[in-house]
C-alpha atoms as a PDB file:
ATOM      1  CA  MET A   1     156.724 -41.449 -31.330  1.00  0.00           C
ATOM      2  CA  THR A   2     160.475 -40.967 -31.369  1.00  0.00           C
ATOM      3  CA  PHE A   3     163.605 -43.122 -31.113  1.00  0.00           C
ATOM      4  CA  ALA A   4     166.610 -42.820 -28.825  1.00  0.00           C
ATOM      5  CA  HIS A   5     168.866 -44.422 -31.465  1.00  0.00           C
ATOM      6  CA  PRO A   6     167.193 -43.746 -34.834  1.00  0.00           C
ATOM      7  CA  TYR A   7     170.303 -44.650 -36.830  1.00  0.00           C
ATOM      8  CA  LEU A   8     169.721 -48.313 -35.940  1.00  0.00           C
ATOM      9  CA  LEU A   9     166.577 -48.222 -38.073  1.00  0.00           C
ATOM     10  CA  LEU A  10     168.891 -48.255 -41.093  1.00  0.00           C
ATOM     11  CA  LEU A  11     169.287 -51.969 -40.408  1.00  0.00           C
ATOM     12  CA  LEU A  12     165.714 -52.394 -41.643  1.00  0.00           C
ATOM     13  CA  LEU A  13     166.950 -51.575 -45.146  1.00  0.00           C
ATOM     14  CA  ILE A  14     169.053 -54.726 -45.093  1.00  0.00           C
ATOM     15  CA  LEU A  15     166.059 -57.018 -44.559  1.00  0.00           C
ATOM     16  CA  PRO A  16     164.645 -56.766 -48.130  1.00  0.00           C
ATOM     17  CA  LEU A  17     168.084 -57.588 -49.514  1.00  0.00           C
ATOM     18  CA  LEU A  18     168.444 -60.596 -47.228  1.00  0.00           C
ATOM     19  CA  ALA A  19     164.934 -61.756 -48.144  1.00  0.00           C
ATOM     20  CA  TRP A  20     165.746 -61.468 -51.844  1.00  0.00           C
ATOM     21  CA  LEU A  21     168.987 -63.414 -51.464  1.00  0.00           C
ATOM     22  CA  LYS A  22     167.299 -66.131 -49.445  1.00  0.00           C
ATOM     23  CA  GLY A  23     164.485 -66.445 -51.965  1.00  0.00           C
ATOM     24  CA  ARG A  24     166.956 -66.565 -54.847  1.00  0.00           C
ATOM     25  CA  HIS A  25     169.050 -69.397 -53.439  1.00  0.00           C
ATOM     26  CA  GLY A  26     166.182 -71.238 -51.744  1.00  0.00           C
ATOM     27  CA  GLN A  27     166.577 -74.136 -49.363  1.00  0.00           C
ATOM     28  CA  GLY A  28     167.684 -77.633 -49.956  1.00  0.00           C
ATOM     29  CA  SER A  29     165.009 -80.350 -49.980  1.00  0.00           C
ATOM     30  CA  ALA A  30     164.817 -82.805 -47.117  1.00  0.00           C
ATOM     31  CA  PHE A  31     163.844 -85.619 -49.561  1.00  0.00           C
ATOM     32  CA  LEU A  32     164.025 -86.024 -53.289  1.00  0.00           C
ATOM     33  CA  TYR A  33     160.971 -87.430 -55.060  1.00  0.00           C
ATOM     34  CA  SER A  34     160.455 -88.332 -58.668  1.00  0.00           C
ATOM     35  CA  SER A  35     157.089 -86.595 -58.458  1.00  0.00           C
ATOM     36  CA  VAL A  36     155.587 -84.215 -55.905  1.00  0.00           C
ATOM     37  CA  ASP A  37     152.271 -85.951 -56.460  1.00  0.00           C
ATOM     38  CA  LEU A  38     153.515 -88.664 -54.077  1.00  0.00           C
ATOM     39  CA  VAL A  39     153.412 -86.318 -51.066  1.00  0.00           C
ATOM     40  CA  ARG A  40     150.755 -83.796 -52.099  1.00  0.00           C
ATOM     41  CA  PRO A  41     147.900 -85.675 -50.342  1.00  0.00           C
ATOM     42  CA  ILE A  42     149.527 -85.225 -46.880  1.00  0.00           C
ATOM     43  CA  SER A  43     149.816 -81.467 -47.210  1.00  0.00           C
ATOM     44  CA  GLY A  44     146.866 -79.101 -47.014  1.00  0.00           C
ATOM     45  CA  VAL A  45     148.984 -76.130 -48.056  1.00  0.00           C
ATOM     46  CA  SER A  46     151.408 -75.880 -50.909  1.00  0.00           C
ATOM     47  CA  ARG A  47     155.097 -75.610 -49.943  1.00  0.00           C
ATOM     48  CA  SER A  48     155.496 -72.226 -51.572  1.00  0.00           C
ATOM     49  CA  ARG A  49     152.552 -70.707 -49.716  1.00  0.00           C
ATOM     50  CA  ALA A  50     153.417 -72.135 -46.266  1.00  0.00           C
ATOM     51  CA  GLY A  51     157.088 -71.366 -46.632  1.00  0.00           C
ATOM     52  CA  SER A  52     156.336 -67.817 -47.712  1.00  0.00           C
ATOM     53  CA  ILE A  53     154.127 -67.169 -44.679  1.00  0.00           C
ATOM     54  CA  LEU A  54     156.618 -68.689 -42.238  1.00  0.00           C
ATOM     55  CA  LEU A  55     159.477 -66.751 -43.747  1.00  0.00           C
ATOM     56  CA  SER A  56     157.474 -63.529 -43.613  1.00  0.00           C
ATOM     57  CA  LEU A  57     156.847 -64.084 -39.915  1.00  0.00           C
ATOM     58  CA  ARG A  58     160.561 -64.598 -39.360  1.00  0.00           C
ATOM     59  CA  TRP A  59     161.394 -61.317 -41.120  1.00  0.00           C
ATOM     60  CA  LEU A  60     158.654 -59.521 -39.196  1.00  0.00           C
ATOM     61  CA  ALA A  61     160.080 -60.714 -35.866  1.00  0.00           C
ATOM     62  CA  LEU A  62     163.563 -59.607 -36.888  1.00  0.00           C
ATOM     63  CA  ALA A  63     162.224 -56.198 -37.898  1.00  0.00           C
ATOM     64  CA  ALA A  64     160.548 -55.850 -34.483  1.00  0.00           C
ATOM     65  CA  PHE A  65     163.838 -56.612 -32.718  1.00  0.00           C
ATOM     66  CA  ILE A  66     165.645 -53.991 -34.790  1.00  0.00           C
ATOM     67  CA  ILE A  67     162.967 -51.420 -33.939  1.00  0.00           C
ATOM     68  CA  ALA A  68     163.323 -52.343 -30.262  1.00  0.00           C
ATOM     69  CA  LEU A  69     167.088 -51.745 -30.452  1.00  0.00           C
ATOM     70  CA  ALA A  70     166.348 -48.227 -31.724  1.00  0.00           C
ATOM     71  CA  GLN A  71     164.513 -47.666 -28.391  1.00  0.00           C
ATOM     72  CA  PRO A  72     161.085 -46.379 -29.438  1.00  0.00           C
ATOM     73  CA  ARG A  73     159.323 -44.129 -26.966  1.00  0.00           C
ATOM     74  CA  LEU A  74     156.323 -41.882 -26.626  1.00  0.00           C
ATOM     75  CA  ILE A  75     157.362 -38.387 -25.661  1.00  0.00           C
ATOM     76  CA  LYS A  76     155.449 -35.157 -25.312  1.00  0.00           C
ATOM     77  CA  GLY A  77     158.476 -33.199 -26.396  1.00  0.00           C
ATOM     78  CA  GLU A  78     160.544 -30.401 -25.005  1.00  0.00           C
ATOM     79  CA  THR A  79     158.942 -27.053 -24.389  1.00  0.00           C
ATOM     80  CA  GLU A  80     160.535 -23.778 -23.485  1.00  0.00           C
ATOM     81  CA  ILE A  81     158.413 -21.722 -21.131  1.00  0.00           C
ATOM     82  CA  LYS A  82     158.690 -18.613 -19.019  1.00  0.00           C
ATOM     83  CA  ALA A  83     158.364 -19.358 -15.326  1.00  0.00           C
ATOM     84  CA  SER A  84     157.392 -16.394 -13.195  1.00  0.00           C
ATOM     85  CA  GLY A  85     158.161 -17.394  -9.665  1.00  0.00           C
ATOM     86  CA  ILE A  86     160.730 -18.178  -7.040  1.00  0.00           C
ATOM     87  CA  ASP A  87     163.060 -21.067  -6.361  1.00  0.00           C
ATOM     88  CA  ILE A  88     162.034 -23.089  -3.328  1.00  0.00           C
ATOM     89  CA  VAL A  89     163.509 -26.019  -1.437  1.00  0.00           C
ATOM     90  CA  VAL A  90     161.402 -27.712   1.218  1.00  0.00           C
ATOM     91  CA  ALA A  91     163.328 -29.591   3.932  1.00  0.00           C
ATOM     92  CA  LEU A  92     161.061 -32.215   5.517  1.00  0.00           C
ATOM     93  CA  ASP A  93     161.822 -33.909   8.846  1.00  0.00           C
ATOM     94  CA  LEU A  94     161.531 -37.731   8.744  1.00  0.00           C
ATOM     95  CA  SER A  95     162.591 -38.415  12.324  1.00  0.00           C
ATOM     96  CA  GLY A  96     160.597 -40.939  14.357  1.00  0.00           C
ATOM     97  CA  SER A  97     158.810 -38.291  16.424  1.00  0.00           C
ATOM     98  CA  MET A  98     156.992 -37.156  13.272  1.00  0.00           C
ATOM     99  CA  ALA A  99     154.739 -40.199  13.798  1.00  0.00           C
ATOM    100  CA  SER A 100     153.016 -38.347  16.659  1.00  0.00           C
ATOM    101  CA  GLU A 101     149.323 -37.895  15.939  1.00  0.00           C
ATOM    102  CA  ASP A 102     148.651 -34.513  17.460  1.00  0.00           C
ATOM    103  CA  PHE A 103     146.500 -33.121  14.626  1.00  0.00           C
ATOM    104  CA  ILE A 104     142.818 -33.668  13.942  1.00  0.00           C
ATOM    105  CA  VAL A 105     141.569 -33.595  10.337  1.00  0.00           C
ATOM    106  CA  ASN A 106     137.937 -34.383   9.518  1.00  0.00           C
ATOM    107  CA  GLY A 107     137.438 -35.734  13.022  1.00  0.00           C
ATOM    108  CA  GLU A 108     140.325 -38.212  12.817  1.00  0.00           C
ATOM    109  CA  ARG A 109     143.853 -38.160  14.176  1.00  0.00           C
ATOM    110  CA  ILE A 110     146.619 -37.646  11.639  1.00  0.00           C
ATOM    111  CA  SER A 111     150.375 -37.849  12.131  1.00  0.00           C
ATOM    112  CA  ARG A 112     152.698 -34.919  11.734  1.00  0.00           C
ATOM    113  CA  ILE A 113     154.396 -36.436   8.690  1.00  0.00           C
ATOM    114  CA  ASP A 114     151.098 -37.211   6.949  1.00  0.00           C
ATOM    115  CA  LEU A 115     149.812 -33.690   7.521  1.00  0.00           C
ATOM    116  CA  ALA A 116     153.104 -32.159   6.398  1.00  0.00           C
ATOM    117  CA  LYS A 117     153.053 -34.191   3.161  1.00  0.00           C
ATOM    118  CA  GLN A 118     149.387 -33.378   2.574  1.00  0.00           C
ATOM    119  CA  VAL A 119     149.873 -29.630   2.998  1.00  0.00           C
ATOM    120  CA  LEU A 120     153.058 -29.683   0.934  1.00  0.00           C
ATOM    121  CA  GLY A 121     151.188 -31.464  -1.861  1.00  0.00           C
ATOM    122  CA  ASP A 122     148.557 -28.711  -1.845  1.00  0.00           C
ATOM    123  CA  PHE A 123     151.312 -26.113  -1.905  1.00  0.00           C
ATOM    124  CA  ILE A 124     152.914 -27.703  -4.968  1.00  0.00           C
ATOM    125  CA  ASN A 125     149.566 -27.647  -6.776  1.00  0.00           C
ATOM    126  CA  LYS A 126     149.158 -23.934  -6.086  1.00  0.00           C
ATOM    127  CA  ARG A 127     152.649 -22.980  -7.306  1.00  0.00           C
ATOM    128  CA  PRO A 128     152.793 -24.315 -10.911  1.00  0.00           C
ATOM    129  CA  ASN A 129     155.280 -21.673 -12.070  1.00  0.00           C
ATOM    130  CA  ASP A 130     157.805 -22.077  -9.250  1.00  0.00           C
ATOM    131  CA  ARG A 131     160.792 -24.362  -9.297  1.00  0.00           C
ATOM    132  CA  ILE A 132     160.563 -26.521  -6.188  1.00  0.00           C
ATOM    133  CA  GLY A 133     162.965 -29.059  -4.707  1.00  0.00           C
ATOM    134  CA  LEU A 134     162.752 -31.460  -1.778  1.00  0.00           C
ATOM    135  CA  VAL A 135     165.262 -32.399   0.923  1.00  0.00           C
ATOM    136  CA  ALA A 136     164.491 -35.171   3.426  1.00  0.00           C
ATOM    137  CA  PHE A 137     166.343 -35.425   6.697  1.00  0.00           C
ATOM    138  CA  ALA A 138     166.530 -37.237  10.008  1.00  0.00           C
ATOM    139  CA  GLY A 139     169.957 -38.362  11.281  1.00  0.00           C
ATOM    140  CA  ARG A 140     171.343 -37.093   7.969  1.00  0.00           C
ATOM    141  CA  ALA A 141     170.032 -35.134   5.001  1.00  0.00           C
ATOM    142  CA  TYR A 142     169.740 -36.029   1.343  1.00  0.00           C
ATOM    143  CA  THR A 143     168.152 -34.537  -1.765  1.00  0.00           C
ATOM    144  CA  ALA A 144     164.873 -36.325  -2.433  1.00  0.00           C
ATOM    145  CA  CYS A 145     164.161 -34.227  -5.550  1.00  0.00           C
ATOM    146  CA  PRO A 146     166.265 -31.522  -7.245  1.00  0.00           C
ATOM    147  CA  VAL A 147     164.758 -28.103  -7.852  1.00  0.00           C
ATOM    148  CA  THR A 148     162.455 -28.592 -10.823  1.00  0.00           C
ATOM    149  CA  LEU A 149     159.393 -27.369 -12.683  1.00  0.00           C
ATOM    150  CA  ASP A 150     158.339 -30.966 -13.257  1.00  0.00           C
ATOM    151  CA  HIS A 151     155.874 -31.098 -10.409  1.00  0.00           C
ATOM    152  CA  ASP A 152     154.593 -34.556 -11.350  1.00  0.00           C
ATOM    153  CA  TYR A 153     158.071 -35.892 -10.707  1.00  0.00           C
ATOM    154  CA  LEU A 154     158.267 -33.857  -7.497  1.00  0.00           C
ATOM    155  CA  ARG A 155     154.983 -35.247  -6.193  1.00  0.00           C
ATOM    156  CA  LYS A 156     156.080 -38.823  -6.902  1.00  0.00           C
ATOM    157  CA  ASN A 157     159.227 -38.272  -4.864  1.00  0.00           C
ATOM    158  CA  LEU A 158     157.195 -36.725  -2.059  1.00  0.00           C
ATOM    159  CA  GLU A 159     154.827 -39.707  -1.982  1.00  0.00           C
ATOM    160  CA  ARG A 160     157.650 -42.215  -1.557  1.00  0.00           C
ATOM    161  CA  LEU A 161     159.016 -40.511   1.571  1.00  0.00           C
ATOM    162  CA  HIS A 162     158.193 -42.304   4.802  1.00  0.00           C
ATOM    163  CA  LEU A 163     159.433 -42.553   8.364  1.00  0.00           C
ATOM    164  CA  GLY A 164     162.320 -44.976   8.840  1.00  0.00           C
ATOM    165  CA  LEU A 165     163.792 -44.166   5.439  1.00  0.00           C
ATOM    166  CA  ILE A 166     166.778 -42.517   7.178  1.00  0.00           C
ATOM    167  CA  GLU A 167     168.397 -43.389  10.483  1.00  0.00           C
ATOM    168  CA  ASP A 168     166.662 -41.616  13.343  1.00  0.00           C
ATOM    169  CA  ARG A 169     167.677 -38.357  15.085  1.00  0.00           C
ATOM    170  CA  THR A 170     167.417 -34.782  13.754  1.00  0.00           C
ATOM    171  CA  ALA A 171     170.135 -33.065  11.687  1.00  0.00           C
ATOM    172  CA  ILE A 172     168.662 -29.598  11.213  1.00  0.00           C
ATOM    173  CA  GLY A 173     171.995 -27.971  10.295  1.00  0.00           C
ATOM    174  CA  SER A 174     172.757 -30.585   7.641  1.00  0.00           C
ATOM    175  CA  ALA A 175     169.237 -30.263   6.210  1.00  0.00           C
ATOM    176  CA  LEU A 176     169.560 -26.502   5.900  1.00  0.00           C
ATOM    177  CA  ALA A 177     173.042 -26.725   4.372  1.00  0.00           C
ATOM    178  CA  THR A 178     171.861 -29.296   1.813  1.00  0.00           C
ATOM    179  CA  SER A 179     168.857 -27.140   0.916  1.00  0.00           C
ATOM    180  CA  VAL A 180     170.968 -24.003   0.468  1.00  0.00           C
ATOM    181  CA  ASN A 181     173.429 -25.957  -1.665  1.00  0.00           C
ATOM    182  CA  ARG A 182     170.608 -26.958  -4.040  1.00  0.00           C
ATOM    183  CA  LEU A 183     169.836 -23.249  -4.574  1.00  0.00           C
ATOM    184  CA  ARG A 184     173.426 -22.074  -4.860  1.00  0.00           C
ATOM    185  CA  ASP A 185     173.814 -22.115  -8.643  1.00  0.00           C
ATOM    186  CA  LEU A 186     170.276 -21.060  -9.581  1.00  0.00           C
ATOM    187  CA  LYS A 187     169.967 -17.605 -11.159  1.00  0.00           C
ATOM    188  CA  SER A 188     166.910 -15.992  -9.633  1.00  0.00           C
ATOM    189  CA  LYS A 189     166.090 -13.002  -7.499  1.00  0.00           C
ATOM    190  CA  SER A 190     164.102 -14.899  -4.883  1.00  0.00           C
ATOM    191  CA  ARG A 191     165.343 -18.124  -3.322  1.00  0.00           C
ATOM    192  CA  ILE A 192     163.835 -19.572  -0.184  1.00  0.00           C
ATOM    193  CA  VAL A 193     163.968 -22.640   2.041  1.00  0.00           C
ATOM    194  CA  ILE A 194     161.014 -23.939   4.035  1.00  0.00           C
ATOM    195  CA  LEU A 195     162.333 -26.117   6.855  1.00  0.00           C
ATOM    196  CA  MET A 196     159.784 -28.203   8.757  1.00  0.00           C
ATOM    197  CA  THR A 197     160.836 -30.049  11.914  1.00  0.00           C
ATOM    198  CA  ASP A 198     159.435 -31.153  15.257  1.00  0.00           C
ATOM    199  CA  GLY A 199     162.630 -31.419  17.297  1.00  0.00           C
ATOM    200  CA  GLN A 200     166.082 -30.137  18.112  1.00  0.00           C
ATOM    201  CA  ASN A 201     169.362 -30.492  16.266  1.00  0.00           C
ATOM    202  CA  ASN A 202     171.097 -33.588  17.677  1.00  0.00           C
ATOM    203  CA  ALA A 203     172.913 -35.021  14.664  1.00  0.00           C
ATOM    204  CA  GLY A 204     175.075 -33.953  11.746  1.00  0.00           C
ATOM    205  CA  LYS A 205     178.349 -32.055  11.659  1.00  0.00           C
ATOM    206  CA  ILE A 206     176.959 -28.638  10.689  1.00  0.00           C
ATOM    207  CA  PRO A 207     175.478 -26.425  13.427  1.00  0.00           C
ATOM    208  CA  PRO A 208     172.132 -24.884  12.379  1.00  0.00           C
ATOM    209  CA  LEU A 209     173.297 -21.288  12.850  1.00  0.00           C
ATOM    210  CA  VAL A 210     176.417 -21.900  10.743  1.00  0.00           C
ATOM    211  CA  ALA A 211     174.166 -23.179   7.955  1.00  0.00           C
ATOM    212  CA  ALA A 212     172.026 -20.065   8.470  1.00  0.00           C
ATOM    213  CA  ASP A 213     175.125 -17.894   7.963  1.00  0.00           C
ATOM    214  CA  ALA A 214     175.695 -19.620   4.623  1.00  0.00           C
ATOM    215  CA  ALA A 215     172.069 -19.013   3.639  1.00  0.00           C
ATOM    216  CA  GLN A 216     172.388 -15.353   4.588  1.00  0.00           C
ATOM    217  CA  ALA A 217     175.574 -14.998   2.529  1.00  0.00           C
ATOM    218  CA  MET A 218     173.762 -16.342  -0.529  1.00  0.00           C
ATOM    219  CA  SER A 219     170.611 -14.257   0.071  1.00  0.00           C
ATOM    220  CA  VAL A 220     168.454 -17.307   0.721  1.00  0.00           C
ATOM    221  CA  LYS A 221     165.429 -16.670   2.941  1.00  0.00           C
ATOM    222  CA  VAL A 222     164.621 -19.460   5.375  1.00  0.00           C
ATOM    223  CA  TYR A 223     161.107 -20.022   6.671  1.00  0.00           C
ATOM    224  CA  THR A 224     161.198 -22.428   9.620  1.00  0.00           C
ATOM    225  CA  VAL A 225     158.176 -24.365  10.809  1.00  0.00           C
ATOM    226  CA  GLY A 226     157.919 -26.070  14.181  1.00  0.00           C
ATOM    227  CA  VAL A 227     155.456 -28.925  13.662  1.00  0.00           C
ATOM    228  CA  GLY A 228     153.474 -30.073  16.703  1.00  0.00           C
ATOM    229  CA  ILE A 229     151.118 -28.982  19.430  1.00  0.00           C
ATOM    230  CA  ARG A 230     152.361 -27.524  22.708  1.00  0.00           C
ATOM    231  CA  GLY A 231     152.778 -29.674  25.799  1.00  0.00           C
ATOM    232  CA  LYS A 232     152.495 -33.411  25.267  1.00  0.00           C
ATOM    233  CA  ALA A 233     151.636 -35.188  22.044  1.00  0.00           C
ATOM    234  CA  PRO A 234     149.986 -38.621  21.568  1.00  0.00           C
ATOM    235  CA  PHE A 235     152.560 -41.034  20.147  1.00  0.00           C
ATOM    236  CA  PRO A 236     151.115 -44.275  18.691  1.00  0.00           C
ATOM    237  CA  VAL A 237     152.508 -47.624  19.880  1.00  0.00           C
ATOM    238  CA  MET A 238     151.283 -51.219  19.709  1.00  0.00           C
ATOM    239  CA  ASP A 239     150.240 -53.021  22.872  1.00  0.00           C
ATOM    240  CA  PRO A 240     150.927 -56.751  23.421  1.00  0.00           C
ATOM    241  CA  PHE A 241     147.640 -57.573  21.652  1.00  0.00           C
ATOM    242  CA  GLY A 242     148.578 -55.662  18.470  1.00  0.00           C
ATOM    243  CA  ARG A 243     146.256 -52.759  19.148  1.00  0.00           C
ATOM    244  CA  LYS A 244     147.257 -49.144  18.616  1.00  0.00           C
ATOM    245  CA  VAL A 245     147.443 -47.167  21.823  1.00  0.00           C
ATOM    246  CA  TYR A 246     148.907 -43.765  22.595  1.00  0.00           C
ATOM    247  CA  GLN A 247     151.691 -42.661  24.901  1.00  0.00           C
ATOM    248  CA  ALA A 248     152.120 -39.050  25.958  1.00  0.00           C
ATOM    249  CA  MET A 249     155.389 -37.671  24.552  1.00  0.00           C
ATOM    250  CA  ASP A 250     156.918 -34.293  25.327  1.00  0.00           C
ATOM    251  CA  VAL A 251     156.981 -31.855  22.401  1.00  0.00           C
ATOM    252  CA  ASP A 252     160.543 -30.550  22.328  1.00  0.00           C
ATOM    253  CA  ILE A 253     160.896 -28.060  19.476  1.00  0.00           C
ATOM    254  CA  ASP A 254     163.922 -25.761  19.575  1.00  0.00           C
ATOM    255  CA  GLU A 255     161.938 -22.644  18.787  1.00  0.00           C
ATOM    256  CA  ASP A 256     164.786 -20.363  19.813  1.00  0.00           C
ATOM    257  CA  THR A 257     167.171 -21.760  17.192  1.00  0.00           C
ATOM    258  CA  LEU A 258     164.496 -21.917  14.494  1.00  0.00           C
ATOM    259  CA  THR A 259     163.589 -18.296  15.167  1.00  0.00           C
ATOM    260  CA  LYS A 260     167.251 -17.218  14.981  1.00  0.00           C
ATOM    261  CA  ILE A 261     167.656 -19.002  11.639  1.00  0.00           C
ATOM    262  CA  SER A 262     164.659 -17.202  10.158  1.00  0.00           C
ATOM    263  CA  ASP A 263     165.583 -13.810  11.591  1.00  0.00           C
ATOM    264  CA  LYS A 264     169.153 -14.104  10.341  1.00  0.00           C
ATOM    265  CA  THR A 265     168.030 -14.831   6.766  1.00  0.00           C
ATOM    266  CA  GLY A 266     165.073 -12.472   6.553  1.00  0.00           C
ATOM    267  CA  GLY A 267     162.459 -15.208   6.821  1.00  0.00           C
ATOM    268  CA  ARG A 268     159.962 -16.012   9.516  1.00  0.00           C
ATOM    269  CA  TYR A 269     159.317 -18.717  12.115  1.00  0.00           C
ATOM    270  CA  PHE A 270     155.897 -20.414  12.318  1.00  0.00           C
ATOM    271  CA  ARG A 271     154.587 -22.714  15.002  1.00  0.00           C
ATOM    272  CA  ALA A 272     152.329 -25.213  13.240  1.00  0.00           C
ATOM    273  CA  ASP A 273     149.991 -26.410  15.961  1.00  0.00           C
ATOM    274  CA  SER A 274     147.176 -26.795  13.415  1.00  0.00           C
ATOM    275  CA  SER A 275     146.811 -27.455   9.712  1.00  0.00           C
ATOM    276  CA  GLU A 276     145.683 -23.860   9.198  1.00  0.00           C
ATOM    277  CA  THR A 277     149.019 -22.597  10.501  1.00  0.00           C
ATOM    278  CA  LEU A 278     150.912 -24.587   7.909  1.00  0.00           C
ATOM    279  CA  HIS A 279     148.801 -23.097   5.129  1.00  0.00           C
ATOM    280  CA  ARG A 280     149.533 -19.612   6.444  1.00  0.00           C
ATOM    281  CA  ILE A 281     153.113 -19.876   5.197  1.00  0.00           C
ATOM    282  CA  TYR A 282     152.010 -19.730   1.590  1.00  0.00           C
ATOM    283  CA  GLY A 283     150.437 -16.313   1.926  1.00  0.00           C
ATOM    284  CA  GLU A 284     153.827 -15.029   3.028  1.00  0.00           C
ATOM    285  CA  ILE A 285     155.556 -16.701   0.084  1.00  0.00           C
ATOM    286  CA  ASP A 286     153.081 -15.134  -2.355  1.00  0.00           C
ATOM    287  CA  ARG A 287     154.268 -11.703  -1.283  1.00  0.00           C
ATOM    288  CA  LEU A 288     157.876 -12.404  -2.193  1.00  0.00           C
ATOM    289  CA  GLU A 289     159.438 -10.707  -5.208  1.00  0.00           C
ATOM    290  CA  LYS A 290     159.076 -12.776  -8.352  1.00  0.00           C
ATOM    291  CA  SER A 291     161.477 -13.095 -11.237  1.00  0.00           C
ATOM    292  CA  ASP A 292     161.147 -14.209 -14.865  1.00  0.00           C
ATOM    293  CA  ALA A 293     163.430 -16.913 -16.159  1.00  0.00           C
ATOM    294  CA  LYS A 294     163.350 -18.848 -19.443  1.00  0.00           C
ATOM    295  CA  ILE A 295     163.602 -22.502 -18.577  1.00  0.00           C
ATOM    296  CA  LYS A 296     163.616 -25.702 -20.613  1.00  0.00           C
ATOM    297  CA  LYS A 297     161.166 -28.180 -19.218  1.00  0.00           C
ATOM    298  CA  PHE A 298     161.706 -31.826 -20.114  1.00  0.00           C
ATOM    299  CA  GLN A 299     158.624 -33.965 -19.766  1.00  0.00           C
ATOM    300  CA  HIS A 300     158.606 -37.687 -19.126  1.00  0.00           C
ATOM    301  CA  TYR A 301     158.243 -40.241 -21.895  1.00  0.00           C
ATOM    302  CA  ASP A 302     157.162 -43.875 -21.962  1.00  0.00           C
ATOM    303  CA  GLU A 303     159.705 -46.439 -23.173  1.00  0.00           C
ATOM    304  CA  LEU A 304     158.240 -48.940 -25.656  1.00  0.00           C
ATOM    305  CA  PHE A 305     161.289 -51.238 -25.831  1.00  0.00           C
ATOM    306  CA  GLY A 306     159.656 -54.013 -23.802  1.00  0.00           C
ATOM    307  CA  GLN A 307     156.399 -53.953 -25.727  1.00  0.00           C
ATOM    308  CA  VAL A 308     158.137 -54.141 -29.107  1.00  0.00           C
ATOM    309  CA  VAL A 309     160.404 -56.989 -27.950  1.00  0.00           C
ATOM    310  CA  LEU A 310     157.366 -58.906 -26.672  1.00  0.00           C
ATOM    311  CA  ALA A 311     155.618 -58.376 -30.009  1.00  0.00           C
ATOM    312  CA  GLY A 312     158.685 -59.691 -31.848  1.00  0.00           C
ATOM    313  CA  LEU A 313     158.897 -62.724 -29.557  1.00  0.00           C
ATOM    314  CA  ALA A 314     155.188 -63.410 -30.063  1.00  0.00           C
ATOM    315  CA  VAL A 315     155.621 -63.409 -33.846  1.00  0.00           C
ATOM    316  CA  LEU A 316     158.705 -65.635 -33.551  1.00  0.00           C
ATOM    317  CA  VAL A 317     156.882 -68.117 -31.313  1.00  0.00           C
ATOM    318  CA  LEU A 318     153.936 -68.162 -33.739  1.00  0.00           C
ATOM    319  CA  GLU A 319     156.306 -68.922 -36.609  1.00  0.00           C
ATOM    320  CA  MET A 320     157.903 -71.780 -34.643  1.00  0.00           C
ATOM    321  CA  ILE A 321     154.523 -73.260 -33.644  1.00  0.00           C
ATOM    322  CA  LEU A 322     153.182 -73.179 -37.202  1.00  0.00           C
ATOM    323  CA  GLY A 323     156.463 -74.540 -38.551  1.00  0.00           C
ATOM    324  CA  HIS A 324     156.318 -77.526 -36.199  1.00  0.00           C
ATOM    325  CA  THR A 325     152.597 -78.277 -36.455  1.00  0.00           C
ATOM    326  CA  VAL A 326     150.253 -77.554 -39.358  1.00  0.00           C
ATOM    327  CA  TRP A 327     153.038 -76.474 -41.712  1.00  0.00           C
ATOM    328  CA  ARG A 328     155.671 -78.889 -40.560  1.00  0.00           C
ATOM    329  CA  LYS A 329     158.235 -79.855 -43.136  1.00  0.00           C
ATOM    330  CA  LEU A 330     159.188 -83.458 -43.841  1.00  0.00           C
ATOM    331  CA  PRO A 331     160.838 -85.136 -42.185  1.00  0.00           C
END
């Protein structure tokens, strides 16, 4: 347990003083009686006992609110570790054609995007000591996850990617430029980009080979992957009755450009016409030179602000209910 603003806990020291002052001065009576024996039969609890309990609940609620202001949280801490690996950015195509279901896994059809995410998830699990980032692209490119050792955070960002998230088309040059830019300031001997796409560059302002020149200048290896079978692929559509049917769609991967990008940067082009081909990339990555770097890894923590506020409100509501029912004051 830790606090984002621990200095606010000093306010708790004021509560005993306020309680003492309130108890010293007391409260004015609602009625004056010549003898308390006149009203004792209508009260099951003495005034001092009921008032003490109600007042204690009020102080407890106030203490909970002060603790909530200090922002309590559960944190695993900050650890400094040595990561022996390479820096990797994966650029994943989210264009509409990635919905084509030209792969068979366990006897069932699976779309290109689902297979790509599945294989990438396995890759992340096998590379615990590598810093990995994620770029998503279609008509434009954006960083879905910065290069990080926090692979739980990386996997969550991978899971939320879906087709339609970005306007359609395929900006391969922009995706490569964005990926290279994420690696630009990282100090490591081995930096690579894995770019997976199923089409040709038809969007963005940066030509793919210009982006490849930038990667080459910064010694970034680019492994390109053409995702899809050869010939025609089954593309799922809905018929007028809401049933899924397939239309044959031409597979139009610009293998020439993807090969030039990889050759220019010292990488390699793969044609992923099966799930096994995608996995083959990782054997190549394992043979890359590794470097040691001391990195601070910040792990996630759970905020407890809401829970503490709810606890304080519950105590306050209890105090109000008791004060207006069984321990109600006269009048």
